[in-house]
Structure formats: structure tokens, C-alpha cells
Amino acid sequence: MEQELLKIFDERHQQIGVCTREEIHRLGLWHETFQCWFIGSHEGKQYVYLQLRSNLKKDYPGLLDITAAGHLLESETVFDGIREVKEELGIDILFEELYSIGVIKYSVTTDDLIDNELAHVFLYDCVLDWEQFTLQVEEVSGVVRVELTQFVSLWQSEIEEIEIIGFEVEEDGTRRPIHQMVDKESFVPHEQSYYEVICEEMISFTSKNQLSS
């Protein structure tokens, strides 16, 4: 995976070449990703679905993250990014069903990598049961949901913890229920400004959907 070829870009989103994923994260080169946030209704409330990253992952193992996301390969366009949803979650959806909120540009630096992303971000309105998820356990070990209002309040620093409910797949393939409180440290690090944009767009998206339903 570290030797996968990805397109690299300048800060104006103009392609300037191709590099391996390892080089990109080591040198902090700009590259494209696909991100899809699931938003669904349950018992009259709006929820955000999150994936629990596998403990086998090199980067950010065991942390909560975007519902489905991944890098766009050198041969791919943003339309090909929809494969991430099927691969990671086992959910079949069409690209035309997604709501685009555009490209969000952000940077995260850790001891292990410099992640400069041009993220193509989408929202997906869904009604799903836990049984519909078939996880790619090498990538995703579980799926949970959190009330949208709690999610927004967390990233607006109005509360310090939120309640997540869902499941995790054990090594033997059985599903273990998850019901616990988590804080920001439980999430893959993204810039605060990224979460602020995501929350604003989610609120707008759900408001429009409620008005049109």
C-alpha cells in the first residue's frame, strides 16, 4: 500500500506529478482523497455514522474516523472514490446519491507523517440497520453512530464527551456491541477548521432534507 502511486498537486490544486504514498506522507506533498460522511435518521433523531479504524492500520489504529474514506490513486478520478464505501463498509450506493460539499484543503503533521490533503468531501443521507454493514476488517473494525447535535457540540467545544452506539467485529468474526462515551482524543486528528466546516454543512444538509421530506 505504501508503494501505491498517487497524483501530487501544488496548493492551487494543479497536478504536478506522481509519487508513492510513502513519499507523499514523508515529504508532505499535496494529494487527493475521497471522504463520505453518512447521516441517517433513527427514532426521529439525526445521527452521524463513524468508522472505527482497525488496530491493524499503520496510521491512527483504533481511532474513530469518517464513515468511509481513502486516497485517490494515480489512475482514478473523484468518481472512482465511491469504491471506498463498498470496500470498507459493504454498502452499495451510487455516486449520484452523494451530496458534494466541495474540496476541503487541510494539513495534519504527526511524528510519523505530514498529511497535506485535498479532500473531496460528500454527505450521504441513509437509513441503515447494523446488519447491512459488511466490514473490511483489515481497514475497519467497527461502525458506530452519534447524535448529530452531540457531534456538532463536541467540535464546537460546547461539551467534552459524546455517546457512541454501534458494534465492533472481534478476531473470531463475532460482533461486540459498543455503547460508550468518547472525547476528541478518540478521533483521527484533523484540523479544527475541517470539523467546523463539516458540522456547518451537516446542519445545512439535514435542514434542507427535513424541509423537502
N, C-alpha and C. Protein backbone atom coordinates (compact mmCIF):
# COMPACT_ATOMS: atom_id res chain seq x y z
N MET A 1 0.82 -1.21 0.00
CA MET A 1 0.00 0.00 0.00
C MET A 1 0.85 1.27 0.00
N GLU A 2 1.98 1.24 0.72
CA GLU A 2 2.84 2.41 0.78
C GLU A 2 3.46 2.74 -0.57
N GLN A 3 3.49 1.76 -1.48
CA GLN A 3 4.08 2.00 -2.79
C GLN A 3 3.02 2.33 -3.85
N GLU A 4 1.77 2.46 -3.45
CA GLU A 4 0.73 2.88 -4.39
C GLU A 4 1.06 4.25 -4.95
N LEU A 5 0.81 4.44 -6.23
CA LEU A 5 1.08 5.73 -6.87
C LEU A 5 -0.13 6.64 -6.78
N LEU A 6 0.10 7.87 -6.33
CA LEU A 6 -0.94 8.89 -6.22
C LEU A 6 -0.50 10.13 -6.97
N LYS A 7 -1.47 10.88 -7.45
CA LYS A 7 -1.18 12.17 -8.08
C LYS A 7 -0.79 13.18 -7.01
N ILE A 8 0.14 14.06 -7.34
CA ILE A 8 0.51 15.13 -6.42
C ILE A 8 0.20 16.48 -7.07
N PHE A 9 -0.06 17.47 -6.19
CA PHE A 9 -0.57 18.76 -6.65
C PHE A 9 0.15 19.90 -5.95
N ASP A 10 0.06 21.09 -6.56
CA ASP A 10 0.50 22.28 -5.85
C ASP A 10 -0.67 22.81 -5.03
N GLU A 11 -0.46 23.91 -4.32
CA GLU A 11 -1.50 24.41 -3.41
C GLU A 11 -2.71 24.98 -4.15
N ARG A 12 -2.58 25.18 -5.46
CA ARG A 12 -3.71 25.66 -6.26
C ARG A 12 -4.48 24.51 -6.90
N HIS A 13 -4.17 23.27 -6.47
CA HIS A 13 -4.83 22.06 -6.95
C HIS A 13 -4.52 21.80 -8.42
N GLN A 14 -3.30 22.16 -8.85
CA GLN A 14 -2.83 21.83 -10.19
C GLN A 14 -1.89 20.63 -10.09
N GLN A 15 -2.16 19.57 -10.88
CA GLN A 15 -1.33 18.38 -10.80
C GLN A 15 0.09 18.69 -11.27
N ILE A 16 1.07 18.21 -10.50
CA ILE A 16 2.47 18.46 -10.84
C ILE A 16 3.27 17.17 -10.97
N GLY A 17 2.65 16.02 -10.76
CA GLY A 17 3.38 14.78 -10.90
C GLY A 17 2.71 13.61 -10.22
N VAL A 18 3.48 12.56 -10.00
CA VAL A 18 3.01 11.32 -9.37
C VAL A 18 4.08 10.84 -8.40
N CYS A 19 3.67 10.38 -7.22
CA CYS A 19 4.61 9.85 -6.23
C CYS A 19 3.96 8.68 -5.49
N THR A 20 4.78 7.93 -4.78
CA THR A 20 4.24 6.86 -3.94
C THR A 20 3.60 7.46 -2.70
N ARG A 21 2.69 6.71 -2.10
CA ARG A 21 2.03 7.17 -0.87
C ARG A 21 3.07 7.42 0.22
N GLU A 22 4.09 6.57 0.31
CA GLU A 22 5.13 6.74 1.33
C GLU A 22 5.85 8.06 1.15
N GLU A 23 6.23 8.39 -0.10
CA GLU A 23 6.92 9.65 -0.36
C GLU A 23 6.03 10.85 -0.04
N ILE A 24 4.77 10.73 -0.39
CA ILE A 24 3.82 11.82 -0.19
C ILE A 24 3.68 12.16 1.28
N HIS A 25 3.55 11.15 2.12
CA HIS A 25 3.39 11.39 3.55
C HIS A 25 4.71 11.77 4.22
N ARG A 26 5.81 11.32 3.67
CA ARG A 26 7.12 11.67 4.25
C ARG A 26 7.51 13.10 3.90
N LEU A 27 7.19 13.52 2.68
CA LEU A 27 7.59 14.84 2.21
C LEU A 27 6.50 15.90 2.36
N GLY A 28 5.29 15.48 2.70
CA GLY A 28 4.21 16.44 2.87
C GLY A 28 3.68 17.00 1.57
N LEU A 29 3.58 16.15 0.55
CA LEU A 29 3.09 16.59 -0.76
C LEU A 29 1.56 16.59 -0.78
N TRP A 30 0.99 17.53 -1.51
CA TRP A 30 -0.47 17.62 -1.62
C TRP A 30 -1.00 16.50 -2.49
N HIS A 31 -2.08 15.85 -2.03
CA HIS A 31 -2.68 14.73 -2.75
C HIS A 31 -4.18 14.71 -2.50
N GLU A 32 -4.91 13.94 -3.32
CA GLU A 32 -6.37 13.91 -3.24
C GLU A 32 -6.88 12.71 -2.44
N THR A 33 -7.96 12.96 -1.70
CA THR A 33 -8.67 11.88 -1.01
C THR A 33 -10.16 12.00 -1.28
N PHE A 34 -10.86 10.90 -1.03
CA PHE A 34 -12.31 10.84 -1.12
C PHE A 34 -12.85 10.59 0.28
N GLN A 35 -13.84 11.38 0.70
CA GLN A 35 -14.41 11.23 2.04
C GLN A 35 -15.93 11.26 1.95
N CYS A 36 -16.56 10.32 2.62
CA CYS A 36 -18.02 10.24 2.61
C CYS A 36 -18.54 10.07 4.03
N TRP A 37 -19.30 11.04 4.48
CA TRP A 37 -19.94 11.01 5.80
C TRP A 37 -21.38 10.55 5.64
N PHE A 38 -21.76 9.49 6.35
CA PHE A 38 -23.14 9.01 6.37
C PHE A 38 -23.92 9.76 7.45
N ILE A 39 -25.10 10.24 7.08
CA ILE A 39 -26.02 10.85 8.03
C ILE A 39 -27.36 10.14 7.91
N GLY A 40 -27.89 9.66 9.02
CA GLY A 40 -29.13 8.91 8.97
C GLY A 40 -30.08 9.24 10.09
N SER A 41 -31.33 8.84 9.92
CA SER A 41 -32.36 9.08 10.93
C SER A 41 -32.64 7.79 11.69
N HIS A 42 -32.91 7.93 12.99
CA HIS A 42 -33.28 6.79 13.82
C HIS A 42 -34.14 7.31 14.96
N GLU A 43 -35.38 6.81 15.00
CA GLU A 43 -36.33 7.20 16.04
C GLU A 43 -36.46 8.73 16.15
N GLY A 44 -36.55 9.35 14.99
CA GLY A 44 -36.81 10.78 14.93
C GLY A 44 -35.62 11.68 15.16
N LYS A 45 -34.42 11.10 15.32
CA LYS A 45 -33.21 11.90 15.54
C LYS A 45 -32.23 11.70 14.39
N GLN A 46 -31.39 12.71 14.16
CA GLN A 46 -30.37 12.64 13.12
C GLN A 46 -29.05 12.15 13.73
N TYR A 47 -28.41 11.23 13.03
CA TYR A 47 -27.16 10.65 13.51
C TYR A 47 -26.06 10.76 12.46
N VAL A 48 -24.83 10.82 12.95
CA VAL A 48 -23.64 10.73 12.10
C VAL A 48 -23.02 9.35 12.34
N TYR A 49 -22.70 8.65 11.26
CA TYR A 49 -22.05 7.34 11.37
C TYR A 49 -20.54 7.51 11.27
N LEU A 50 -19.83 6.78 12.12
CA LEU A 50 -18.37 6.84 12.15
C LEU A 50 -17.80 5.43 12.01
N GLN A 51 -16.65 5.32 11.38
CA GLN A 51 -15.97 4.04 11.36
C GLN A 51 -14.94 4.00 12.47
N LEU A 52 -14.71 2.79 12.99
CA LEU A 52 -13.64 2.54 13.94
C LEU A 52 -12.51 1.88 13.16
N ARG A 53 -11.38 2.57 13.08
CA ARG A 53 -10.27 2.05 12.28
C ARG A 53 -9.68 0.80 12.91
N SER A 54 -9.30 -0.13 12.06
CA SER A 54 -8.74 -1.39 12.52
C SER A 54 -7.45 -1.15 13.30
N ASN A 55 -7.21 -1.98 14.29
CA ASN A 55 -5.95 -1.93 15.03
C ASN A 55 -4.77 -2.40 14.18
N LEU A 56 -5.07 -2.95 13.00
CA LEU A 56 -4.02 -3.38 12.08
C LEU A 56 -3.49 -2.24 11.22
N LYS A 57 -4.18 -1.09 11.23
CA LYS A 57 -3.80 0.04 10.40
C LYS A 57 -2.47 0.64 10.86
N LYS A 58 -1.65 1.04 9.91
CA LYS A 58 -0.37 1.69 10.24
C LYS A 58 -0.60 3.06 10.85
N ASP A 59 -1.55 3.80 10.28
CA ASP A 59 -1.82 5.16 10.75
C ASP A 59 -3.12 5.19 11.55
N TYR A 60 -3.09 5.77 12.72
CA TYR A 60 -4.25 6.01 13.58
C TYR A 60 -5.07 4.75 13.88
N PRO A 61 -4.44 3.65 14.26
CA PRO A 61 -5.21 2.43 14.57
C PRO A 61 -6.14 2.65 15.75
N GLY A 62 -7.34 2.07 15.65
CA GLY A 62 -8.28 2.07 16.76
C GLY A 62 -8.97 3.39 17.03
N LEU A 63 -8.84 4.37 16.13
CA LEU A 63 -9.49 5.66 16.33
C LEU A 63 -10.75 5.78 15.47
N LEU A 64 -11.65 6.65 15.89
CA LEU A 64 -12.86 6.94 15.13
C LEU A 64 -12.54 7.85 13.96
N ASP A 65 -13.26 7.65 12.85
CA ASP A 65 -12.94 8.42 11.64
C ASP A 65 -14.18 8.60 10.78
N ILE A 66 -14.00 9.29 9.67
CA ILE A 66 -15.02 9.50 8.64
C ILE A 66 -15.65 8.15 8.28
N THR A 67 -16.93 8.14 7.95
CA THR A 67 -17.64 6.88 7.69
C THR A 67 -16.89 6.01 6.69
N ALA A 68 -16.52 6.58 5.55
CA ALA A 68 -15.72 5.87 4.55
C ALA A 68 -14.81 6.88 3.87
N ALA A 69 -13.56 6.52 3.69
CA ALA A 69 -12.62 7.47 3.08
C ALA A 69 -11.40 6.72 2.56
N GLY A 70 -10.68 7.37 1.65
CA GLY A 70 -9.45 6.76 1.15
C GLY A 70 -8.76 7.66 0.15
N HIS A 71 -7.57 7.26 -0.23
CA HIS A 71 -6.78 8.01 -1.20
C HIS A 71 -7.26 7.71 -2.62
N LEU A 72 -7.18 8.71 -3.48
CA LEU A 72 -7.46 8.51 -4.90
C LEU A 72 -6.15 8.16 -5.59
N LEU A 73 -6.13 7.02 -6.26
CA LEU A 73 -4.93 6.54 -6.92
C LEU A 73 -4.62 7.35 -8.17
N GLU A 74 -3.43 7.15 -8.68
CA GLU A 74 -2.96 7.91 -9.85
C GLU A 74 -3.91 7.75 -11.04
N SER A 75 -4.53 6.57 -11.17
CA SER A 75 -5.40 6.27 -12.31
C SER A 75 -6.86 6.66 -12.08
N GLU A 76 -7.19 7.20 -10.90
CA GLU A 76 -8.58 7.42 -10.54
C GLU A 76 -8.98 8.89 -10.58
N THR A 77 -10.30 9.09 -10.77
CA THR A 77 -10.91 10.41 -10.61
C THR A 77 -11.76 10.36 -9.34
N VAL A 78 -12.33 11.50 -8.99
CA VAL A 78 -13.15 11.54 -7.78
C VAL A 78 -14.34 10.59 -7.87
N PHE A 79 -14.84 10.33 -9.08
CA PHE A 79 -15.98 9.42 -9.24
C PHE A 79 -15.63 7.99 -8.81
N ASP A 80 -14.34 7.63 -8.94
CA ASP A 80 -13.91 6.29 -8.55
C ASP A 80 -13.84 6.13 -7.03
N GLY A 81 -13.85 7.24 -6.32
CA GLY A 81 -13.74 7.18 -4.87
C GLY A 81 -14.88 6.44 -4.20
N ILE A 82 -16.00 6.32 -4.90
CA ILE A 82 -17.17 5.63 -4.33
C ILE A 82 -16.85 4.18 -3.97
N ARG A 83 -15.78 3.63 -4.59
CA ARG A 83 -15.39 2.25 -4.28
C ARG A 83 -15.06 2.08 -2.80
N GLU A 84 -14.61 3.17 -2.15
CA GLU A 84 -14.23 3.08 -0.74
C GLU A 84 -15.42 2.65 0.13
N VAL A 85 -16.61 3.12 -0.23
CA VAL A 85 -17.80 2.80 0.56
C VAL A 85 -18.08 1.31 0.50
N LYS A 86 -18.02 0.75 -0.70
CA LYS A 86 -18.28 -0.68 -0.87
C LYS A 86 -17.17 -1.51 -0.22
N GLU A 87 -15.92 -1.14 -0.44
CA GLU A 87 -14.80 -1.92 0.07
C GLU A 87 -14.77 -1.93 1.60
N GLU A 88 -14.94 -0.76 2.22
CA GLU A 88 -14.78 -0.66 3.66
C GLU A 88 -16.02 -1.10 4.43
N LEU A 89 -17.20 -0.77 3.90
CA LEU A 89 -18.44 -0.98 4.65
C LEU A 89 -19.38 -2.03 4.07
N GLY A 90 -19.14 -2.42 2.81
CA GLY A 90 -20.03 -3.38 2.16
C GLY A 90 -21.37 -2.80 1.78
N ILE A 91 -21.45 -1.46 1.67
CA ILE A 91 -22.70 -0.78 1.33
C ILE A 91 -22.66 -0.33 -0.13
N ASP A 92 -23.68 -0.70 -0.89
CA ASP A 92 -23.77 -0.30 -2.30
C ASP A 92 -24.52 1.01 -2.44
N ILE A 93 -23.85 2.04 -2.91
CA ILE A 93 -24.52 3.30 -3.22
C ILE A 93 -23.98 3.84 -4.54
N LEU A 94 -24.73 4.73 -5.15
CA LEU A 94 -24.32 5.35 -6.40
C LEU A 94 -23.70 6.72 -6.13
N PHE A 95 -22.74 7.09 -6.96
CA PHE A 95 -22.11 8.40 -6.80
C PHE A 95 -23.16 9.51 -6.88
N GLU A 96 -24.18 9.30 -7.72
CA GLU A 96 -25.22 10.32 -7.90
C GLU A 96 -26.05 10.54 -6.64
N GLU A 97 -25.98 9.62 -5.70
CA GLU A 97 -26.73 9.76 -4.45
C GLU A 97 -26.00 10.63 -3.42
N LEU A 98 -24.76 10.96 -3.70
CA LEU A 98 -23.96 11.73 -2.76
C LEU A 98 -24.18 13.23 -2.93
N TYR A 99 -24.04 13.95 -1.84
CA TYR A 99 -24.14 15.41 -1.85
C TYR A 99 -22.74 15.98 -1.63
N SER A 100 -22.23 16.69 -2.62
CA SER A 100 -20.87 17.22 -2.54
C SER A 100 -20.84 18.53 -1.76
N ILE A 101 -19.86 18.62 -0.85
CA ILE A 101 -19.63 19.91 -0.19
C ILE A 101 -18.31 20.51 -0.65
N GLY A 102 -17.78 19.97 -1.76
CA GLY A 102 -16.59 20.54 -2.38
C GLY A 102 -15.29 19.93 -1.89
N VAL A 103 -14.21 20.64 -2.16
CA VAL A 103 -12.87 20.20 -1.77
C VAL A 103 -12.43 20.99 -0.55
N ILE A 104 -12.06 20.26 0.49
CA ILE A 104 -11.55 20.89 1.71
C ILE A 104 -10.05 20.62 1.78
N LYS A 105 -9.29 21.67 1.90
CA LYS A 105 -7.83 21.58 1.93
C LYS A 105 -7.35 21.70 3.38
N TYR A 106 -6.60 20.71 3.84
CA TYR A 106 -6.13 20.79 5.23
C TYR A 106 -4.85 19.99 5.42
N SER A 107 -4.18 20.29 6.54
CA SER A 107 -2.89 19.66 6.84
C SER A 107 -2.88 19.14 8.27
N VAL A 108 -2.26 17.98 8.44
CA VAL A 108 -2.04 17.41 9.77
C VAL A 108 -0.62 16.85 9.80
N THR A 109 0.14 17.23 10.81
CA THR A 109 1.51 16.74 10.97
C THR A 109 1.63 15.98 12.28
N THR A 110 2.15 14.75 12.21
CA THR A 110 2.41 13.94 13.40
C THR A 110 3.88 13.53 13.38
N ASP A 111 4.28 12.72 14.34
CA ASP A 111 5.66 12.23 14.38
C ASP A 111 5.96 11.31 13.20
N ASP A 112 4.90 10.72 12.62
CA ASP A 112 5.10 9.71 11.58
C ASP A 112 4.85 10.19 10.16
N LEU A 113 4.12 11.29 10.01
CA LEU A 113 3.78 11.72 8.65
C LEU A 113 3.40 13.20 8.59
N ILE A 114 3.43 13.72 7.36
CA ILE A 114 2.91 15.06 7.06
C ILE A 114 1.80 14.85 6.05
N ASP A 115 0.57 15.07 6.47
CA ASP A 115 -0.59 14.74 5.63
C ASP A 115 -1.23 16.02 5.11
N ASN A 116 -0.92 16.36 3.86
CA ASN A 116 -1.50 17.53 3.20
C ASN A 116 -2.52 17.05 2.17
N GLU A 117 -3.79 17.22 2.50
CA GLU A 117 -4.86 16.63 1.70
C GLU A 117 -5.71 17.67 0.98
N LEU A 118 -6.11 17.30 -0.22
CA LEU A 118 -7.18 17.97 -0.96
C LEU A 118 -8.34 16.98 -0.95
N ALA A 119 -9.22 17.15 0.02
CA ALA A 119 -10.26 16.15 0.28
C ALA A 119 -11.56 16.49 -0.45
N HIS A 120 -11.99 15.58 -1.32
CA HIS A 120 -13.30 15.68 -1.96
C HIS A 120 -14.32 15.11 -0.97
N VAL A 121 -15.14 15.96 -0.38
CA VAL A 121 -15.98 15.56 0.74
C VAL A 121 -17.45 15.49 0.32
N PHE A 122 -18.11 14.39 0.74
CA PHE A 122 -19.50 14.16 0.38
C PHE A 122 -20.30 13.75 1.62
N LEU A 123 -21.61 14.04 1.57
CA LEU A 123 -22.54 13.57 2.57
C LEU A 123 -23.51 12.60 1.91
N TYR A 124 -23.95 11.61 2.69
CA TYR A 124 -24.89 10.62 2.17
C TYR A 124 -26.02 10.43 3.16
N ASP A 125 -27.23 10.66 2.71
CA ASP A 125 -28.44 10.51 3.54
C ASP A 125 -28.87 9.06 3.49
N CYS A 126 -28.94 8.39 4.65
CA CYS A 126 -29.18 6.95 4.64
C CYS A 126 -30.14 6.52 5.74
N VAL A 127 -30.73 5.35 5.54
CA VAL A 127 -31.48 4.65 6.58
C VAL A 127 -30.93 3.23 6.58
N LEU A 128 -30.15 2.89 7.60
CA LEU A 128 -29.43 1.62 7.60
C LEU A 128 -29.58 0.89 8.94
N ASP A 129 -29.61 -0.44 8.86
CA ASP A 129 -29.52 -1.29 10.04
C ASP A 129 -28.08 -1.78 10.17
N TRP A 130 -27.67 -2.12 11.38
CA TRP A 130 -26.31 -2.61 11.58
C TRP A 130 -26.02 -3.83 10.73
N GLU A 131 -27.05 -4.68 10.50
CA GLU A 131 -26.84 -5.91 9.75
C GLU A 131 -26.44 -5.66 8.30
N GLN A 132 -26.69 -4.45 7.80
CA GLN A 132 -26.36 -4.16 6.41
C GLN A 132 -24.88 -3.88 6.19
N PHE A 133 -24.14 -3.68 7.26
CA PHE A 133 -22.71 -3.40 7.13
C PHE A 133 -21.92 -4.71 7.09
N THR A 134 -21.07 -4.84 6.07
CA THR A 134 -20.12 -5.94 5.98
C THR A 134 -18.73 -5.32 5.89
N LEU A 135 -17.98 -5.40 6.97
CA LEU A 135 -16.77 -4.60 7.09
C LEU A 135 -15.53 -5.29 6.49
N GLN A 136 -14.66 -4.46 5.93
CA GLN A 136 -13.33 -4.91 5.51
C GLN A 136 -12.44 -4.82 6.75
N VAL A 137 -12.35 -5.93 7.48
CA VAL A 137 -11.80 -5.87 8.84
C VAL A 137 -10.33 -5.46 8.87
N GLU A 138 -9.61 -5.59 7.76
CA GLU A 138 -8.23 -5.12 7.73
C GLU A 138 -8.17 -3.60 7.82
N GLU A 139 -9.27 -2.94 7.42
CA GLU A 139 -9.33 -1.48 7.42
C GLU A 139 -10.23 -0.93 8.52
N VAL A 140 -11.39 -1.58 8.70
CA VAL A 140 -12.43 -1.07 9.60
C VAL A 140 -12.85 -2.17 10.56
N SER A 141 -12.76 -1.91 11.86
CA SER A 141 -13.12 -2.94 12.83
C SER A 141 -14.51 -2.74 13.42
N GLY A 142 -15.14 -1.58 13.15
CA GLY A 142 -16.47 -1.35 13.69
C GLY A 142 -17.13 -0.12 13.10
N VAL A 143 -18.41 0.02 13.36
CA VAL A 143 -19.19 1.20 12.94
C VAL A 143 -20.04 1.65 14.12
N VAL A 144 -20.08 2.94 14.36
CA VAL A 144 -20.91 3.50 15.43
C VAL A 144 -21.66 4.71 14.90
N ARG A 145 -22.63 5.17 15.68
CA ARG A 145 -23.31 6.40 15.32
C ARG A 145 -23.41 7.28 16.57
N VAL A 146 -23.50 8.59 16.32
CA VAL A 146 -23.62 9.58 17.38
C VAL A 146 -24.67 10.60 16.93
N GLU A 147 -25.44 11.10 17.88
CA GLU A 147 -26.43 12.13 17.53
C GLU A 147 -25.72 13.32 16.90
N LEU A 148 -26.29 13.81 15.82
CA LEU A 148 -25.69 14.94 15.11
C LEU A 148 -25.51 16.14 16.03
N THR A 149 -26.49 16.41 16.88
CA THR A 149 -26.37 17.56 17.76
C THR A 149 -25.20 17.41 18.72
N GLN A 150 -24.96 16.18 19.20
CA GLN A 150 -23.81 15.93 20.08
C GLN A 150 -22.50 16.09 19.33
N PHE A 151 -22.45 15.54 18.12
CA PHE A 151 -21.25 15.63 17.29
C PHE A 151 -20.86 17.09 17.06
N VAL A 152 -21.84 17.90 16.70
CA VAL A 152 -21.59 19.32 16.46
C VAL A 152 -21.14 20.01 17.75
N SER A 153 -21.80 19.72 18.85
CA SER A 153 -21.44 20.35 20.13
C SER A 153 -20.03 19.99 20.56
N LEU A 154 -19.61 18.75 20.27
CA LEU A 154 -18.25 18.34 20.61
C LEU A 154 -17.23 19.19 19.88
N TRP A 155 -17.42 19.36 18.58
CA TRP A 155 -16.42 20.08 17.78
C TRP A 155 -16.56 21.59 17.88
N GLN A 156 -17.65 22.04 18.47
CA GLN A 156 -17.77 23.46 18.81
C GLN A 156 -17.32 23.73 20.25
N SER A 157 -16.77 22.67 20.88
CA SER A 157 -16.23 22.75 22.24
C SER A 157 -17.28 23.15 23.28
N GLU A 158 -18.53 22.78 23.03
CA GLU A 158 -19.61 23.03 23.99
C GLU A 158 -19.73 21.89 25.00
N ILE A 159 -19.32 20.70 24.60
CA ILE A 159 -19.28 19.54 25.50
C ILE A 159 -17.95 18.83 25.30
N GLU A 160 -17.57 17.98 26.25
CA GLU A 160 -16.27 17.31 26.18
C GLU A 160 -16.38 15.85 25.76
N GLU A 161 -17.58 15.26 25.89
CA GLU A 161 -17.76 13.86 25.54
C GLU A 161 -19.07 13.66 24.79
N ILE A 162 -19.11 12.61 23.99
CA ILE A 162 -20.33 12.24 23.28
C ILE A 162 -20.56 10.74 23.43
N GLU A 163 -21.82 10.34 23.25
CA GLU A 163 -22.21 8.94 23.37
C GLU A 163 -22.21 8.28 22.00
N ILE A 164 -21.48 7.17 21.86
CA ILE A 164 -21.49 6.42 20.61
C ILE A 164 -22.12 5.05 20.85
N ILE A 165 -22.86 4.57 19.85
CA ILE A 165 -23.53 3.28 19.89
C ILE A 165 -23.26 2.57 18.56
N GLY A 166 -22.92 1.29 18.62
CA GLY A 166 -22.68 0.55 17.40
C GLY A 166 -22.14 -0.84 17.68
N PHE A 167 -21.19 -1.27 16.85
CA PHE A 167 -20.62 -2.60 17.03
C PHE A 167 -19.17 -2.64 16.56
N GLU A 168 -18.45 -3.62 17.09
CA GLU A 168 -17.08 -3.90 16.67
C GLU A 168 -16.96 -5.38 16.36
N VAL A 169 -16.20 -5.74 15.33
CA VAL A 169 -16.02 -7.13 14.93
C VAL A 169 -14.78 -7.69 15.65
N GLU A 170 -14.98 -8.76 16.39
CA GLU A 170 -13.88 -9.41 17.10
C GLU A 170 -13.04 -10.25 16.12
N GLU A 171 -11.89 -10.73 16.61
CA GLU A 171 -11.00 -11.53 15.76
C GLU A 171 -11.66 -12.80 15.24
N ASP A 172 -12.59 -13.35 16.01
CA ASP A 172 -13.26 -14.57 15.57
C ASP A 172 -14.49 -14.29 14.69
N GLY A 173 -14.71 -13.03 14.37
CA GLY A 173 -15.81 -12.67 13.48
C GLY A 173 -17.10 -12.30 14.17
N THR A 174 -17.18 -12.48 15.46
CA THR A 174 -18.40 -12.11 16.18
C THR A 174 -18.46 -10.60 16.38
N ARG A 175 -19.68 -10.11 16.53
CA ARG A 175 -19.88 -8.68 16.71
C ARG A 175 -20.11 -8.35 18.18
N ARG A 176 -19.34 -7.41 18.68
CA ARG A 176 -19.47 -6.97 20.07
C ARG A 176 -20.13 -5.60 20.09
N PRO A 177 -21.20 -5.42 20.86
CA PRO A 177 -21.85 -4.11 20.92
C PRO A 177 -20.92 -3.06 21.53
N ILE A 178 -21.02 -1.84 21.02
CA ILE A 178 -20.30 -0.69 21.57
C ILE A 178 -21.32 0.31 22.08
N HIS A 179 -21.16 0.76 23.30
CA HIS A 179 -22.01 1.81 23.87
C HIS A 179 -21.17 2.50 24.94
N GLN A 180 -20.60 3.65 24.59
CA GLN A 180 -19.67 4.30 25.50
C GLN A 180 -19.59 5.80 25.22
N MET A 181 -18.88 6.49 26.09
CA MET A 181 -18.61 7.91 25.92
C MET A 181 -17.19 8.08 25.39
N VAL A 182 -17.02 9.02 24.46
CA VAL A 182 -15.69 9.29 23.90
C VAL A 182 -15.48 10.80 23.82
N ASP A 183 -14.21 11.20 23.71
CA ASP A 183 -13.89 12.62 23.55
C ASP A 183 -13.12 12.83 22.25
N LYS A 184 -12.61 14.03 22.04
CA LYS A 184 -11.92 14.36 20.79
C LYS A 184 -10.68 13.50 20.56
N GLU A 185 -10.05 13.06 21.66
CA GLU A 185 -8.84 12.26 21.55
C GLU A 185 -9.11 10.89 20.92
N SER A 186 -10.38 10.50 20.86
CA SER A 186 -10.75 9.22 20.27
C SER A 186 -10.87 9.28 18.75
N PHE A 187 -10.69 10.47 18.17
CA PHE A 187 -10.86 10.67 16.74
C PHE A 187 -9.51 10.83 16.03
N VAL A 188 -9.47 10.41 14.77
CA VAL A 188 -8.33 10.70 13.92
C VAL A 188 -8.15 12.22 13.88
N PRO A 189 -6.93 12.71 14.05
CA PRO A 189 -6.73 14.16 14.07
C PRO A 189 -6.94 14.81 12.70
N HIS A 190 -7.82 15.79 12.67
CA HIS A 190 -7.98 16.69 11.53
C HIS A 190 -7.94 18.10 12.11
N GLU A 191 -7.70 19.08 11.26
CA GLU A 191 -7.71 20.45 11.75
C GLU A 191 -9.08 20.81 12.31
N GLN A 192 -9.08 21.65 13.35
CA GLN A 192 -10.34 22.11 13.92
C GLN A 192 -11.21 22.77 12.86
N SER A 193 -10.59 23.52 11.96
CA SER A 193 -11.35 24.20 10.90
C SER A 193 -12.06 23.20 9.99
N TYR A 194 -11.45 22.02 9.81
CA TYR A 194 -12.09 20.98 8.99
C TYR A 194 -13.39 20.55 9.64
N TYR A 195 -13.36 20.24 10.93
CA TYR A 195 -14.57 19.80 11.62
C TYR A 195 -15.63 20.90 11.66
N GLU A 196 -15.19 22.14 11.77
CA GLU A 196 -16.15 23.25 11.79
C GLU A 196 -16.91 23.33 10.46
N VAL A 197 -16.20 23.16 9.36
CA VAL A 197 -16.85 23.17 8.04
C VAL A 197 -17.80 21.98 7.91
N ILE A 198 -17.34 20.80 8.31
CA ILE A 198 -18.16 19.59 8.22
C ILE A 198 -19.44 19.76 9.02
N CYS A 199 -19.34 20.26 10.24
CA CYS A 199 -20.52 20.43 11.09
C CYS A 199 -21.51 21.42 10.48
N GLU A 200 -21.00 22.52 9.96
CA GLU A 200 -21.87 23.52 9.33
C GLU A 200 -22.61 22.93 8.14
N GLU A 201 -21.90 22.16 7.33
CA GLU A 201 -22.52 21.55 6.15
C GLU A 201 -23.53 20.48 6.53
N MET A 202 -23.24 19.71 7.58
CA MET A 202 -24.18 18.68 8.03
C MET A 202 -25.48 19.29 8.53
N ILE A 203 -25.38 20.37 9.27
CA ILE A 203 -26.58 21.05 9.77
C ILE A 203 -27.41 21.57 8.61
N SER A 204 -26.76 22.21 7.65
CA SER A 204 -27.46 22.74 6.47
C SER A 204 -28.10 21.61 5.67
N PHE A 205 -27.37 20.51 5.49
CA PHE A 205 -27.84 19.37 4.71
C PHE A 205 -29.08 18.75 5.34
N THR A 206 -29.06 18.51 6.64
CA THR A 206 -30.20 17.88 7.31
C THR A 206 -31.40 18.83 7.35
N SER A 207 -31.16 20.11 7.49
CA SER A 207 -32.26 21.07 7.49
C SER A 207 -32.98 21.08 6.15
N LYS A 208 -32.22 21.07 5.07
CA LYS A 208 -32.82 21.05 3.73
C LYS A 208 -33.61 19.76 3.50
N ASN A 209 -33.04 18.64 3.94
CA ASN A 209 -33.72 17.36 3.74
C ASN A 209 -35.03 17.27 4.52
N GLN A 210 -35.03 17.83 5.73
CA GLN A 210 -36.26 17.82 6.54
C GLN A 210 -37.33 18.70 5.92
N LEU A 211 -36.92 19.81 5.33
CA LEU A 211 -37.88 20.71 4.69
C LEU A 211 -38.49 20.09 3.44
N SER A 212 -37.67 19.28 2.73
CA SER A 212 -38.16 18.72 1.47
C SER A 212 -38.89 17.41 1.64
N SER A 213 -38.81 16.80 2.86
CA SER A 213 -39.46 15.50 3.07
C SER A 213 -40.91 15.66 3.48
